[in-house]
Amino acid sequence: MTIVIDGNKLAEQKETELKKKVEALRLKGRVPKLVGLVMKDDEAGLLYCRLKEEAAERIGVEFEKQVMAEPGVEKIVRLIEKYNQDERVGGIMVQRPGVSWGKQQGMSREEFEVWWEKLVEEIDLKKDVDGLRQDSRFTMATVKAVAKVLELEGVVRGKVVVVGSQGLIGRRLIKYLSNKGFEVKGVDVDETDLSRVTKEVEVLISATGQAGLIKAEMVKPGAVVIDVGWPKGDVKFETVKEKASVITPVPGGIGPLTVVSLLESLLEVGYIT
């Protein structure tokens, strides 16, 4: 019988723990605050930012959202610098748009990545709770969410493939899992024979943002399938579910776990020692 990971339930359990910690901090007059920057015309980013805001409110964390009308680097950097200097702010996150958003702004993939790096490198190292900087001391929230699933009872280890190896999340996942001792291979979404690679592994992680990319015939029977696609999911859930031993749905899988992982990191910033 296939185990469908209930990310909402797991996140709710973690939120209960975090809420108690925030309540204890408030009694001491220390209120955790998170700032989120998101682009005005990034529909998926606005939705995800709202989910983070709602989760923050549930556990008692202050959340300030800044919606950016224009992608100009200088203006956004000035705003980041403002929050870097604000002692009340414990964490700063920039909601990363998809590469397709960059194309709409007239950026090539390379130009989009340069734009992104210019922004996140301005975040104070101590406040990079989403693990966006390359030298961040925090694990990226999405990577932490995937790790939580792999650590669950009944989720066995084996060969891992990460589809979407050229993307930010894909690159970070490969590095993290390799450091944890997994035998992991990354493949780009443009791999000529993607199915040949995915059918050989016990753990298939897809992080491309291409809806319905992973089909049942691409999955090894009994594999663990983790869908990091957003907002519609990379995996053909209903058919892949029949072959997988463990699977994460979209929505309700990695997404909620990513949000709560971000809040976990926030509470490590000078609030809880």
Protein backbone atom coordinates (compact mmCIF):
# COMPACT_ATOMS: atom_id res chain seq x y z
CA MET A 1 0.00 0.00 0.00
CA THR A 2 1.36 3.38 -1.00
CA ILE A 3 2.16 5.86 1.78
CA VAL A 4 0.96 9.35 0.83
CA ILE A 5 2.88 11.88 2.90
CA ASP A 6 0.53 14.32 4.63
CA GLY A 7 2.70 17.43 4.70
CA ASN A 8 -0.08 19.50 6.23
CA LYS A 9 -0.36 17.18 9.23
CA LEU A 10 3.40 16.99 9.76
CA ALA A 11 3.70 20.77 9.48
CA GLU A 12 0.82 21.27 11.91
CA GLN A 13 2.60 19.12 14.49
CA LYS A 14 5.78 21.15 14.10
CA GLU A 15 3.84 24.42 14.26
CA THR A 16 2.47 23.40 17.67
CA GLU A 17 6.04 23.05 18.95
CA LEU A 18 7.13 26.35 17.42
CA LYS A 19 4.11 28.23 18.78
CA LYS A 20 5.07 27.25 22.34
CA LYS A 21 8.59 28.53 21.76
CA VAL A 22 7.30 31.83 20.36
CA GLU A 23 4.93 32.25 23.32
CA ALA A 24 7.86 31.78 25.69
CA LEU A 25 9.86 34.39 23.78
CA ARG A 26 7.00 36.88 23.87
CA LEU A 27 6.85 36.58 27.65
CA LYS A 28 10.46 37.77 27.63
CA GLY A 29 9.61 40.64 25.29
CA ARG A 30 11.36 39.09 22.30
CA VAL A 31 9.15 38.90 19.22
CA PRO A 32 10.49 37.03 16.17
CA LYS A 33 9.95 38.93 12.91
CA LEU A 34 10.30 37.74 9.33
CA VAL A 35 10.31 39.94 6.23
CA GLY A 36 9.29 38.57 2.84
CA LEU A 37 9.98 40.29 -0.49
CA VAL A 38 7.98 39.16 -3.52
CA MET A 39 7.48 40.43 -7.05
CA LYS A 40 4.09 41.96 -7.83
CA ASP A 41 3.56 40.00 -11.07
CA ASP A 42 4.81 36.65 -9.73
CA GLU A 43 1.47 34.90 -9.18
CA ALA A 44 2.90 31.68 -7.73
CA GLY A 45 5.31 33.65 -5.55
CA LEU A 46 2.50 35.78 -4.13
CA LEU A 47 0.56 32.65 -3.24
CA TYR A 48 3.52 30.99 -1.57
CA CYS A 49 4.39 34.19 0.29
CA ARG A 50 0.81 34.36 1.59
CA LEU A 51 1.07 30.79 2.88
CA LYS A 52 4.24 31.73 4.76
CA GLU A 53 2.54 34.79 6.18
CA GLU A 54 -0.43 32.74 7.39
CA ALA A 55 1.82 30.12 9.00
CA ALA A 56 3.84 32.84 10.73
CA GLU A 57 0.66 34.35 12.13
CA ARG A 58 -0.50 30.95 13.41
CA ILE A 59 2.59 30.55 15.57
CA GLY A 60 2.79 34.19 16.65
CA VAL A 61 5.64 35.40 14.44
CA GLU A 62 5.43 38.88 12.95
CA PHE A 63 5.52 38.82 9.14
CA GLU A 64 6.06 41.89 6.98
CA LYS A 65 5.47 41.48 3.26
CA GLN A 66 6.93 43.84 0.70
CA VAL A 67 5.49 43.54 -2.82
CA MET A 68 7.94 44.82 -5.41
CA ALA A 69 6.44 46.44 -8.49
CA GLU A 70 9.66 46.47 -10.53
CA PRO A 71 12.58 44.02 -10.73
CA GLY A 72 15.23 46.75 -10.59
CA VAL A 73 18.14 45.52 -8.47
CA GLU A 74 19.10 48.83 -6.86
CA LYS A 75 15.69 49.51 -5.33
CA ILE A 76 15.31 45.98 -3.95
CA VAL A 77 18.87 46.01 -2.58
CA ARG A 78 18.18 49.28 -0.73
CA LEU A 79 15.16 47.65 0.87
CA ILE A 80 17.18 44.59 1.88
CA GLU A 81 19.84 46.86 3.40
CA LYS A 82 17.14 48.62 5.41
CA TYR A 83 16.00 45.34 6.95
CA ASN A 84 19.59 44.19 7.47
CA GLN A 85 20.04 47.16 9.78
CA ASP A 86 16.70 46.74 11.58
CA GLU A 87 17.40 44.89 14.83
CA ARG A 88 13.74 43.89 15.14
CA VAL A 89 14.01 41.78 11.97
CA GLY A 90 15.36 38.27 12.55
CA GLY A 91 14.98 36.92 9.03
CA ILE A 92 14.76 38.19 5.45
CA MET A 93 13.62 36.10 2.51
CA VAL A 94 13.20 36.93 -1.17
CA GLN A 95 10.57 34.82 -2.89
CA ARG A 96 12.35 33.42 -5.94
CA PRO A 97 10.28 33.71 -9.13
CA GLY A 98 10.42 31.00 -11.77
CA VAL A 99 12.79 31.27 -14.71
CA SER A 100 9.70 31.81 -16.90
CA TRP A 101 9.04 35.02 -14.95
CA GLY A 102 12.56 36.13 -15.83
CA LYS A 103 11.83 35.53 -19.50
CA GLN A 104 8.77 37.75 -19.20
CA GLN A 105 11.08 40.49 -17.92
CA GLY A 106 13.32 40.03 -20.96
CA MET A 107 16.03 38.10 -19.09
CA SER A 108 17.84 35.06 -20.39
CA ARG A 109 18.31 32.19 -17.94
CA GLU A 110 21.86 33.39 -17.26
CA GLU A 111 20.72 36.99 -16.73
CA PHE A 112 17.97 35.81 -14.38
CA GLU A 113 20.49 33.87 -12.27
CA VAL A 114 22.80 36.91 -12.09
CA TRP A 115 19.83 39.09 -11.05
CA TRP A 116 18.89 36.60 -8.35
CA GLU A 117 22.41 36.26 -6.94
CA LYS A 118 22.79 40.06 -6.74
CA LEU A 119 19.70 40.19 -4.53
CA VAL A 120 20.28 37.29 -2.17
CA GLU A 121 23.97 38.08 -1.63
CA GLU A 122 22.84 41.36 -0.05
CA ILE A 123 20.93 39.56 2.72
CA ASP A 124 22.80 39.69 6.03
CA LEU A 125 24.33 36.26 6.58
CA LYS A 126 22.73 36.07 10.04
CA LYS A 127 19.28 36.79 8.60
CA ASP A 128 19.33 34.44 5.60
CA VAL A 129 16.87 32.03 7.23
CA ASP A 130 15.70 30.62 3.88
CA GLY A 131 19.25 29.50 3.06
CA LEU A 132 19.32 31.49 -0.18
CA ARG A 133 22.94 32.63 -0.14
CA GLN A 134 25.55 30.17 -1.36
CA ASP A 135 27.48 30.62 1.89
CA SER A 136 24.42 30.53 4.15
CA ARG A 137 24.73 28.85 7.54
CA PHE A 138 21.11 27.74 7.15
CA THR A 139 19.95 24.80 5.04
CA MET A 140 17.52 25.92 2.35
CA ALA A 141 13.98 25.46 3.66
CA THR A 142 12.90 23.31 0.70
CA VAL A 143 15.92 21.05 1.16
CA LYS A 144 15.09 20.70 4.86
CA ALA A 145 11.54 19.73 3.89
CA VAL A 146 12.75 16.95 1.57
CA ALA A 147 15.13 15.76 4.29
CA LYS A 148 12.21 15.53 6.74
CA VAL A 149 10.42 13.12 4.37
CA LEU A 150 13.52 11.01 3.85
CA GLU A 151 13.95 10.75 7.62
CA LEU A 152 10.44 9.39 8.18
CA GLU A 153 10.02 5.80 9.31
CA GLY A 154 9.38 3.52 6.36
CA VAL A 155 11.20 5.69 3.83
CA VAL A 156 14.20 3.58 2.83
CA ARG A 157 17.51 4.80 1.48
CA GLY A 158 18.83 3.87 -1.93
CA LYS A 159 20.03 5.43 -5.16
CA VAL A 160 18.61 8.93 -5.64
CA VAL A 161 18.02 10.97 -8.75
CA VAL A 162 17.19 14.68 -8.66
CA VAL A 163 15.41 15.86 -11.80
CA GLY A 164 16.02 19.55 -12.35
CA SER A 165 19.70 19.56 -11.47
CA GLN A 166 20.34 22.94 -13.10
CA GLY A 167 17.82 24.75 -10.91
CA LEU A 168 18.62 26.33 -7.56
CA ILE A 169 16.69 23.77 -5.51
CA GLY A 170 18.04 20.88 -7.55
CA ARG A 171 21.64 21.99 -7.07
CA ARG A 172 21.18 22.44 -3.33
CA LEU A 173 19.43 19.08 -2.96
CA ILE A 174 22.25 17.25 -4.73
CA LYS A 175 24.89 18.88 -2.54
CA TYR A 176 22.97 18.23 0.68
CA LEU A 177 22.12 14.60 -0.05
CA SER A 178 25.66 13.85 -1.22
CA ASN A 179 27.00 15.27 2.06
CA LYS A 180 24.55 13.03 3.95
CA GLY A 181 25.91 9.91 2.29
CA PHE A 182 23.27 9.31 -0.36
CA GLU A 183 24.28 7.97 -3.76
CA VAL A 184 22.73 10.79 -5.75
CA LYS A 185 22.70 11.74 -9.41
CA GLY A 186 21.37 14.94 -10.91
CA VAL A 187 19.77 15.18 -14.34
CA ASP A 188 18.54 18.19 -16.23
CA VAL A 189 14.99 18.28 -17.44
CA ASP A 190 16.31 18.24 -21.02
CA GLU A 191 18.00 14.85 -20.52
CA THR A 192 17.56 12.92 -23.79
CA ASP A 193 16.42 9.70 -22.13
CA LEU A 194 15.09 10.92 -18.79
CA SER A 195 12.97 7.82 -18.23
CA ARG A 196 15.98 5.51 -18.45
CA VAL A 197 17.60 7.36 -15.55
CA THR A 198 14.54 7.72 -13.34
CA LYS A 199 13.53 4.04 -13.64
CA GLU A 200 16.82 2.90 -12.12
CA VAL A 201 16.56 4.58 -8.70
CA GLU A 202 14.84 3.92 -5.39
CA VAL A 203 14.27 7.63 -4.67
CA LEU A 204 13.06 10.03 -7.37
CA ILE A 205 12.97 13.73 -6.53
CA SER A 206 11.62 16.15 -9.13
CA ALA A 207 12.15 19.90 -8.81
CA THR A 208 11.51 21.36 -12.25
CA GLY A 209 8.20 23.22 -12.02
CA GLN A 210 7.03 21.44 -15.19
CA ALA A 211 3.56 20.12 -14.46
CA GLY A 212 3.01 16.42 -15.16
CA LEU A 213 6.61 15.75 -16.22
CA ILE A 214 7.01 12.53 -14.20
CA LYS A 215 4.72 9.74 -15.44
CA ALA A 216 4.13 6.22 -14.13
CA GLU A 217 6.27 4.56 -16.79
CA MET A 218 9.24 6.64 -15.58
CA VAL A 219 9.09 5.27 -12.02
CA LYS A 220 10.64 2.11 -10.61
CA PRO A 221 8.05 -0.06 -8.80
CA GLY A 222 8.22 0.64 -5.07
CA ALA A 223 10.21 3.85 -5.45
CA VAL A 224 9.95 6.86 -3.14
CA VAL A 225 8.70 9.81 -5.22
CA ILE A 226 9.12 13.33 -3.87
CA ASP A 227 7.46 16.12 -5.83
CA VAL A 228 9.02 19.53 -5.31
CA GLY A 229 7.24 21.07 -8.30
CA TRP A 230 5.26 24.24 -7.69
CA PRO A 231 2.50 25.26 -8.03
CA LYS A 232 0.96 22.34 -9.94
CA GLY A 233 3.40 19.51 -9.25
CA ASP A 234 5.89 17.71 -11.49
CA VAL A 235 4.34 14.27 -10.92
CA LYS A 236 1.24 12.69 -12.45
CA PHE A 237 0.06 11.88 -8.97
CA GLU A 238 -2.85 9.48 -9.49
CA THR A 239 -1.02 7.12 -11.82
CA VAL A 240 2.42 7.33 -10.17
CA LYS A 241 0.81 6.63 -6.80
CA GLU A 242 -0.05 3.14 -8.03
CA LYS A 243 3.65 2.31 -8.52
CA ALA A 244 5.35 4.21 -5.70
CA SER A 245 5.81 2.99 -2.13
CA VAL A 246 5.91 6.57 -0.81
CA ILE A 247 4.78 9.75 -2.57
CA THR A 248 4.29 13.41 -1.74
CA PRO A 249 1.27 15.20 -3.22
CA VAL A 250 1.02 18.74 -4.55
CA PRO A 251 -0.43 20.62 -2.84
CA GLY A 252 -0.11 19.34 0.71
CA GLY A 253 3.28 17.63 0.57
CA ILE A 254 6.65 19.36 0.46
CA GLY A 255 5.08 22.85 0.42
CA PRO A 256 3.80 22.95 4.03
CA LEU A 257 7.01 21.33 5.25
CA THR A 258 9.05 24.00 3.46
CA VAL A 259 7.10 26.78 5.16
CA VAL A 260 7.50 25.32 8.64
CA SER A 261 11.21 24.65 7.98
CA LEU A 262 11.66 28.35 7.22
CA LEU A 263 10.02 29.27 10.53
CA GLU A 264 12.22 26.75 12.34
CA SER A 265 15.29 28.51 11.00
CA LEU A 266 13.91 31.92 12.01
CA LEU A 267 13.71 30.80 15.61
CA GLU A 268 17.41 29.89 15.54
CA VAL A 269 18.36 33.53 14.89
CA GLY A 270 19.32 34.98 18.22
CA TYR A 271 16.00 34.03 19.76
CA ILE A 272 16.69 30.48 20.90
CA THR A 273 20.19 29.43 21.87
